[in-house]
Amino acid sequence: MRRVFWVGVGVAITVVVVVKGRQVIARYAPASLVDQATDQVNSIGEKATSFVSVFREEFRTARDAREAELLASLLAEGQPDPDDVRAARAARRERAGEPGVDDDEDLLGYSFY
């Protein structure tokens, strides 16, 4: 509870500093200087956004490739893909009228079947 209180205090102080800082800048800084600073901040924001989107895409691609590599190294020769096994099991259960997913598989994130 203390942490939440101090986080709230920090947020409140930050908001006050930002609002008061903008008022001081608006009062004492020339309009052209403020416009230049705003343009620079916007350009930095756009660069950061593009960097993050490129990073996320490259990370996702590398993660998927590594996952496929690990899955291939863990499966025995001729062993079917786990997604295919799960789909076949779900189809069998649906035909038999059983529930679709094991409770332990939901909890653990894996299965021994």
N, C-alpha and C. Protein backbone atom coordinates (compact mmCIF):
# COMPACT_ATOMS: atom_id res chain seq x y z
N MET A 1 0.82 -1.18 0.00
CA MET A 1 0.00 0.00 0.00
C MET A 1 0.87 1.25 0.00
N ARG A 2 2.02 1.19 0.68
CA ARG A 2 2.93 2.33 0.71
C ARG A 2 3.45 2.65 -0.68
N ARG A 3 3.78 1.61 -1.42
CA ARG A 3 4.30 1.82 -2.76
C ARG A 3 3.28 2.52 -3.64
N VAL A 4 2.04 2.12 -3.55
CA VAL A 4 0.99 2.76 -4.34
C VAL A 4 0.87 4.23 -3.96
N PHE A 5 0.95 4.52 -2.68
CA PHE A 5 0.89 5.91 -2.22
C PHE A 5 2.03 6.72 -2.82
N TRP A 6 3.26 6.19 -2.75
CA TRP A 6 4.41 6.94 -3.24
C TRP A 6 4.41 7.04 -4.76
N VAL A 7 3.90 6.04 -5.43
CA VAL A 7 3.75 6.15 -6.89
C VAL A 7 2.77 7.26 -7.21
N GLY A 8 1.66 7.32 -6.47
CA GLY A 8 0.69 8.40 -6.67
C GLY A 8 1.28 9.77 -6.40
N VAL A 9 2.09 9.87 -5.34
CA VAL A 9 2.74 11.14 -5.03
C VAL A 9 3.70 11.52 -6.16
N GLY A 10 4.44 10.57 -6.66
CA GLY A 10 5.37 10.84 -7.77
C GLY A 10 4.65 11.29 -9.03
N VAL A 11 3.53 10.64 -9.34
CA VAL A 11 2.75 11.03 -10.51
C VAL A 11 2.21 12.44 -10.33
N ALA A 12 1.70 12.74 -9.15
CA ALA A 12 1.15 14.07 -8.90
C ALA A 12 2.23 15.14 -9.02
N ILE A 13 3.40 14.90 -8.46
CA ILE A 13 4.50 15.87 -8.55
C ILE A 13 4.93 16.04 -10.01
N THR A 14 4.99 14.96 -10.75
CA THR A 14 5.36 15.04 -12.17
C THR A 14 4.37 15.89 -12.94
N VAL A 15 3.09 15.69 -12.71
CA VAL A 15 2.06 16.46 -13.41
C VAL A 15 2.19 17.94 -13.07
N VAL A 16 2.39 18.25 -11.81
CA VAL A 16 2.53 19.65 -11.39
C VAL A 16 3.76 20.28 -12.04
N VAL A 17 4.88 19.58 -12.04
CA VAL A 17 6.11 20.12 -12.64
C VAL A 17 5.92 20.35 -14.14
N VAL A 18 5.29 19.42 -14.83
CA VAL A 18 5.09 19.57 -16.28
C VAL A 18 4.17 20.74 -16.57
N VAL A 19 3.07 20.86 -15.86
CA VAL A 19 2.12 21.95 -16.10
C VAL A 19 2.78 23.30 -15.79
N LYS A 20 3.43 23.41 -14.66
CA LYS A 20 4.09 24.67 -14.30
C LYS A 20 5.24 24.98 -15.26
N GLY A 21 5.96 23.97 -15.68
CA GLY A 21 7.05 24.17 -16.63
C GLY A 21 6.54 24.70 -17.96
N ARG A 22 5.43 24.16 -18.43
CA ARG A 22 4.84 24.66 -19.68
C ARG A 22 4.38 26.10 -19.53
N GLN A 23 3.84 26.44 -18.38
CA GLN A 23 3.41 27.83 -18.16
C GLN A 23 4.61 28.77 -18.18
N VAL A 24 5.70 28.38 -17.54
CA VAL A 24 6.90 29.22 -17.52
C VAL A 24 7.47 29.36 -18.93
N ILE A 25 7.52 28.27 -19.67
CA ILE A 25 8.04 28.31 -21.04
C ILE A 25 7.16 29.20 -21.90
N ALA A 26 5.85 29.07 -21.77
CA ALA A 26 4.94 29.89 -22.57
C ALA A 26 5.09 31.37 -22.21
N ARG A 27 5.40 31.69 -20.99
CA ARG A 27 5.51 33.08 -20.56
C ARG A 27 6.81 33.72 -21.01
N TYR A 28 7.94 33.00 -20.92
CA TYR A 28 9.23 33.63 -21.14
C TYR A 28 9.92 33.29 -22.46
N ALA A 29 9.54 32.22 -23.11
CA ALA A 29 10.23 31.81 -24.33
C ALA A 29 9.56 32.42 -25.55
N PRO A 30 10.36 32.80 -26.55
CA PRO A 30 9.77 33.30 -27.79
C PRO A 30 9.03 32.18 -28.52
N ALA A 31 8.00 32.55 -29.26
CA ALA A 31 7.15 31.56 -29.94
C ALA A 31 7.95 30.72 -30.93
N SER A 32 8.90 31.33 -31.63
CA SER A 32 9.68 30.58 -32.62
C SER A 32 10.53 29.51 -31.95
N LEU A 33 11.06 29.81 -30.78
CA LEU A 33 11.86 28.84 -30.05
C LEU A 33 11.00 27.67 -29.59
N VAL A 34 9.82 27.98 -29.11
CA VAL A 34 8.90 26.92 -28.67
C VAL A 34 8.50 26.06 -29.86
N ASP A 35 8.26 26.69 -31.02
CA ASP A 35 7.88 25.91 -32.22
C ASP A 35 9.02 24.99 -32.65
N GLN A 36 10.26 25.50 -32.60
CA GLN A 36 11.41 24.68 -32.98
C GLN A 36 11.57 23.49 -32.01
N ALA A 37 11.43 23.75 -30.73
CA ALA A 37 11.56 22.68 -29.75
C ALA A 37 10.46 21.65 -29.93
N THR A 38 9.24 22.13 -30.21
CA THR A 38 8.12 21.21 -30.43
C THR A 38 8.37 20.33 -31.65
N ASP A 39 8.87 20.96 -32.73
CA ASP A 39 9.17 20.18 -33.93
C ASP A 39 10.25 19.13 -33.68
N GLN A 40 11.28 19.51 -32.92
CA GLN A 40 12.35 18.56 -32.61
C GLN A 40 11.84 17.40 -31.75
N VAL A 41 11.02 17.72 -30.77
CA VAL A 41 10.47 16.67 -29.91
C VAL A 41 9.56 15.75 -30.72
N ASN A 42 8.76 16.32 -31.61
CA ASN A 42 7.88 15.49 -32.45
C ASN A 42 8.70 14.60 -33.37
N SER A 43 9.80 15.13 -33.93
CA SER A 43 10.63 14.32 -34.81
C SER A 43 11.30 13.19 -34.03
N ILE A 44 11.75 13.48 -32.81
CA ILE A 44 12.34 12.43 -31.98
C ILE A 44 11.30 11.38 -31.64
N GLY A 45 10.08 11.82 -31.35
CA GLY A 45 9.00 10.87 -31.06
C GLY A 45 8.70 9.97 -32.25
N GLU A 46 8.70 10.53 -33.46
CA GLU A 46 8.46 9.72 -34.65
C GLU A 46 9.59 8.71 -34.87
N LYS A 47 10.84 9.16 -34.65
CA LYS A 47 11.97 8.24 -34.79
C LYS A 47 11.89 7.11 -33.77
N ALA A 48 11.53 7.47 -32.54
CA ALA A 48 11.42 6.44 -31.49
C ALA A 48 10.31 5.46 -31.82
N THR A 49 9.19 5.97 -32.33
CA THR A 49 8.08 5.08 -32.69
C THR A 49 8.48 4.14 -33.81
N SER A 50 9.16 4.66 -34.83
CA SER A 50 9.59 3.79 -35.93
C SER A 50 10.62 2.77 -35.46
N PHE A 51 11.55 3.20 -34.57
CA PHE A 51 12.53 2.27 -34.03
C PHE A 51 11.85 1.13 -33.27
N VAL A 52 10.88 1.48 -32.43
CA VAL A 52 10.19 0.46 -31.64
C VAL A 52 9.43 -0.49 -32.55
N SER A 53 8.77 0.02 -33.58
CA SER A 53 8.01 -0.87 -34.47
C SER A 53 8.95 -1.80 -35.24
N VAL A 54 10.09 -1.28 -35.71
CA VAL A 54 11.07 -2.13 -36.40
C VAL A 54 11.65 -3.16 -35.44
N PHE A 55 11.97 -2.73 -34.22
CA PHE A 55 12.51 -3.65 -33.21
C PHE A 55 11.51 -4.76 -32.91
N ARG A 56 10.24 -4.40 -32.73
CA ARG A 56 9.23 -5.42 -32.44
C ARG A 56 9.11 -6.42 -33.57
N GLU A 57 9.12 -5.94 -34.82
CA GLU A 57 9.00 -6.83 -35.97
C GLU A 57 10.21 -7.76 -36.07
N GLU A 58 11.41 -7.21 -35.92
CA GLU A 58 12.62 -8.05 -35.98
C GLU A 58 12.66 -9.05 -34.82
N PHE A 59 12.25 -8.60 -33.63
CA PHE A 59 12.23 -9.49 -32.48
C PHE A 59 11.24 -10.63 -32.70
N ARG A 60 10.05 -10.29 -33.23
CA ARG A 60 9.04 -11.32 -33.48
C ARG A 60 9.55 -12.33 -34.50
N THR A 61 10.19 -11.84 -35.56
CA THR A 61 10.72 -12.74 -36.59
C THR A 61 11.80 -13.65 -36.01
N ALA A 62 12.73 -13.08 -35.24
CA ALA A 62 13.80 -13.88 -34.64
C ALA A 62 13.24 -14.86 -33.63
N ARG A 63 12.24 -14.43 -32.84
CA ARG A 63 11.64 -15.32 -31.85
C ARG A 63 10.96 -16.50 -32.53
N ASP A 64 10.21 -16.23 -33.61
CA ASP A 64 9.54 -17.31 -34.32
C ASP A 64 10.53 -18.28 -34.94
N ALA A 65 11.62 -17.74 -35.49
CA ALA A 65 12.64 -18.61 -36.09
C ALA A 65 13.30 -19.48 -35.02
N ARG A 66 13.60 -18.87 -33.87
CA ARG A 66 14.24 -19.63 -32.78
C ARG A 66 13.29 -20.68 -32.23
N GLU A 67 12.00 -20.34 -32.12
CA GLU A 67 11.03 -21.30 -31.65
C GLU A 67 10.94 -22.50 -32.59
N ALA A 68 10.94 -22.23 -33.89
CA ALA A 68 10.90 -23.32 -34.86
C ALA A 68 12.16 -24.17 -34.78
N GLU A 69 13.31 -23.52 -34.58
CA GLU A 69 14.57 -24.24 -34.45
C GLU A 69 14.57 -25.13 -33.21
N LEU A 70 14.12 -24.59 -32.08
CA LEU A 70 14.08 -25.39 -30.85
C LEU A 70 13.08 -26.53 -30.96
N LEU A 71 11.93 -26.26 -31.57
CA LEU A 71 10.93 -27.31 -31.73
C LEU A 71 11.48 -28.43 -32.61
N ALA A 72 12.17 -28.06 -33.68
CA ALA A 72 12.75 -29.07 -34.56
C ALA A 72 13.82 -29.89 -33.84
N SER A 73 14.60 -29.25 -32.98
CA SER A 73 15.65 -29.99 -32.28
C SER A 73 15.09 -30.87 -31.16
N LEU A 74 13.94 -30.51 -30.61
CA LEU A 74 13.36 -31.31 -29.53
C LEU A 74 12.54 -32.50 -30.02
N LEU A 75 11.97 -32.37 -31.21
CA LEU A 75 11.16 -33.47 -31.73
C LEU A 75 12.06 -34.60 -32.23
N ALA A 76 11.62 -35.82 -31.94
CA ALA A 76 12.36 -36.99 -32.42
C ALA A 76 12.10 -37.16 -33.92
N GLU A 77 12.96 -37.91 -34.55
CA GLU A 77 12.83 -38.18 -35.98
C GLU A 77 11.46 -38.82 -36.26
N GLY A 78 10.70 -38.21 -37.14
CA GLY A 78 9.40 -38.74 -37.51
C GLY A 78 8.27 -38.40 -36.55
N GLN A 79 8.56 -37.71 -35.47
CA GLN A 79 7.52 -37.33 -34.51
C GLN A 79 6.68 -36.20 -35.10
N PRO A 80 5.35 -36.30 -34.97
CA PRO A 80 4.50 -35.27 -35.55
C PRO A 80 4.59 -33.96 -34.77
N ASP A 81 4.20 -32.88 -35.43
CA ASP A 81 4.19 -31.56 -34.81
C ASP A 81 3.16 -31.54 -33.67
N PRO A 82 3.48 -30.94 -32.53
CA PRO A 82 2.55 -30.91 -31.40
C PRO A 82 1.21 -30.24 -31.73
N ASP A 83 1.23 -29.23 -32.59
CA ASP A 83 -0.04 -28.59 -32.97
C ASP A 83 -0.94 -29.56 -33.75
N ASP A 84 -0.33 -30.39 -34.60
CA ASP A 84 -1.11 -31.38 -35.33
C ASP A 84 -1.70 -32.42 -34.37
N VAL A 85 -0.91 -32.82 -33.37
CA VAL A 85 -1.39 -33.79 -32.38
C VAL A 85 -2.55 -33.19 -31.58
N ARG A 86 -2.42 -31.94 -31.17
CA ARG A 86 -3.50 -31.29 -30.41
C ARG A 86 -4.77 -31.17 -31.25
N ALA A 87 -4.62 -30.83 -32.54
CA ALA A 87 -5.78 -30.71 -33.41
C ALA A 87 -6.47 -32.05 -33.59
N ALA A 88 -5.68 -33.12 -33.75
CA ALA A 88 -6.27 -34.45 -33.92
C ALA A 88 -6.97 -34.89 -32.64
N ARG A 89 -6.36 -34.59 -31.49
CA ARG A 89 -6.98 -34.93 -30.20
C ARG A 89 -8.30 -34.18 -30.01
N ALA A 90 -8.30 -32.90 -30.36
CA ALA A 90 -9.52 -32.10 -30.24
C ALA A 90 -10.61 -32.64 -31.15
N ALA A 91 -10.23 -33.06 -32.35
CA ALA A 91 -11.22 -33.61 -33.27
C ALA A 91 -11.79 -34.92 -32.73
N ARG A 92 -10.92 -35.77 -32.15
CA ARG A 92 -11.41 -37.03 -31.55
C ARG A 92 -12.38 -36.75 -30.42
N ARG A 93 -12.03 -35.80 -29.56
CA ARG A 93 -12.90 -35.47 -28.42
C ARG A 93 -14.22 -34.89 -28.88
N GLU A 94 -14.17 -34.09 -29.92
CA GLU A 94 -15.40 -33.50 -30.43
C GLU A 94 -16.33 -34.58 -30.97
N ARG A 95 -15.75 -35.55 -31.65
CA ARG A 95 -16.57 -36.67 -32.16
C ARG A 95 -17.12 -37.49 -31.00
N ALA A 96 -16.34 -37.63 -29.91
CA ALA A 96 -16.77 -38.43 -28.77
C ALA A 96 -17.66 -37.64 -27.82
N GLY A 97 -17.75 -36.32 -27.98
CA GLY A 97 -18.59 -35.50 -27.13
C GLY A 97 -17.94 -35.11 -25.81
N GLU A 98 -16.62 -35.22 -25.71
CA GLU A 98 -15.91 -34.84 -24.49
C GLU A 98 -15.56 -33.35 -24.54
N PRO A 99 -15.22 -32.77 -23.39
CA PRO A 99 -14.76 -31.38 -23.40
C PRO A 99 -13.49 -31.23 -24.24
N GLY A 100 -13.28 -30.03 -24.78
CA GLY A 100 -12.23 -29.80 -25.76
C GLY A 100 -10.82 -29.70 -25.23
N VAL A 101 -10.60 -29.25 -24.01
CA VAL A 101 -9.24 -28.99 -23.54
C VAL A 101 -9.06 -29.58 -22.15
N ASP A 102 -7.86 -30.14 -21.91
CA ASP A 102 -7.55 -30.66 -20.58
C ASP A 102 -7.39 -29.51 -19.59
N ASP A 103 -7.84 -29.73 -18.37
CA ASP A 103 -7.68 -28.70 -17.35
C ASP A 103 -6.21 -28.48 -17.01
N ASP A 104 -5.45 -29.58 -16.93
CA ASP A 104 -4.04 -29.43 -16.59
C ASP A 104 -3.26 -28.75 -17.70
N GLU A 105 -3.67 -28.93 -18.94
CA GLU A 105 -2.97 -28.26 -20.03
C GLU A 105 -3.18 -26.76 -19.96
N ASP A 106 -4.36 -26.32 -19.57
CA ASP A 106 -4.61 -24.88 -19.41
C ASP A 106 -3.75 -24.31 -18.28
N LEU A 107 -3.64 -25.04 -17.20
CA LEU A 107 -2.89 -24.55 -16.05
C LEU A 107 -1.38 -24.57 -16.29
N LEU A 108 -0.90 -25.65 -16.87
CA LEU A 108 0.54 -25.84 -17.01
C LEU A 108 1.11 -25.27 -18.30
N GLY A 109 0.28 -25.14 -19.33
CA GLY A 109 0.78 -24.66 -20.60
C GLY A 109 1.41 -25.74 -21.47
N TYR A 110 1.37 -26.99 -21.01
CA TYR A 110 1.89 -28.09 -21.81
C TYR A 110 1.11 -29.34 -21.46
N SER A 111 1.37 -30.40 -22.19
CA SER A 111 0.64 -31.63 -21.97
C SER A 111 1.57 -32.81 -22.18
N PHE A 112 1.23 -33.95 -21.59
CA PHE A 112 2.03 -35.14 -21.73
C PHE A 112 1.42 -36.14 -22.69
N TYR A 113 0.40 -35.78 -23.41
CA TYR A 113 -0.26 -36.69 -24.33
C TYR A 113 0.44 -36.73 -25.65
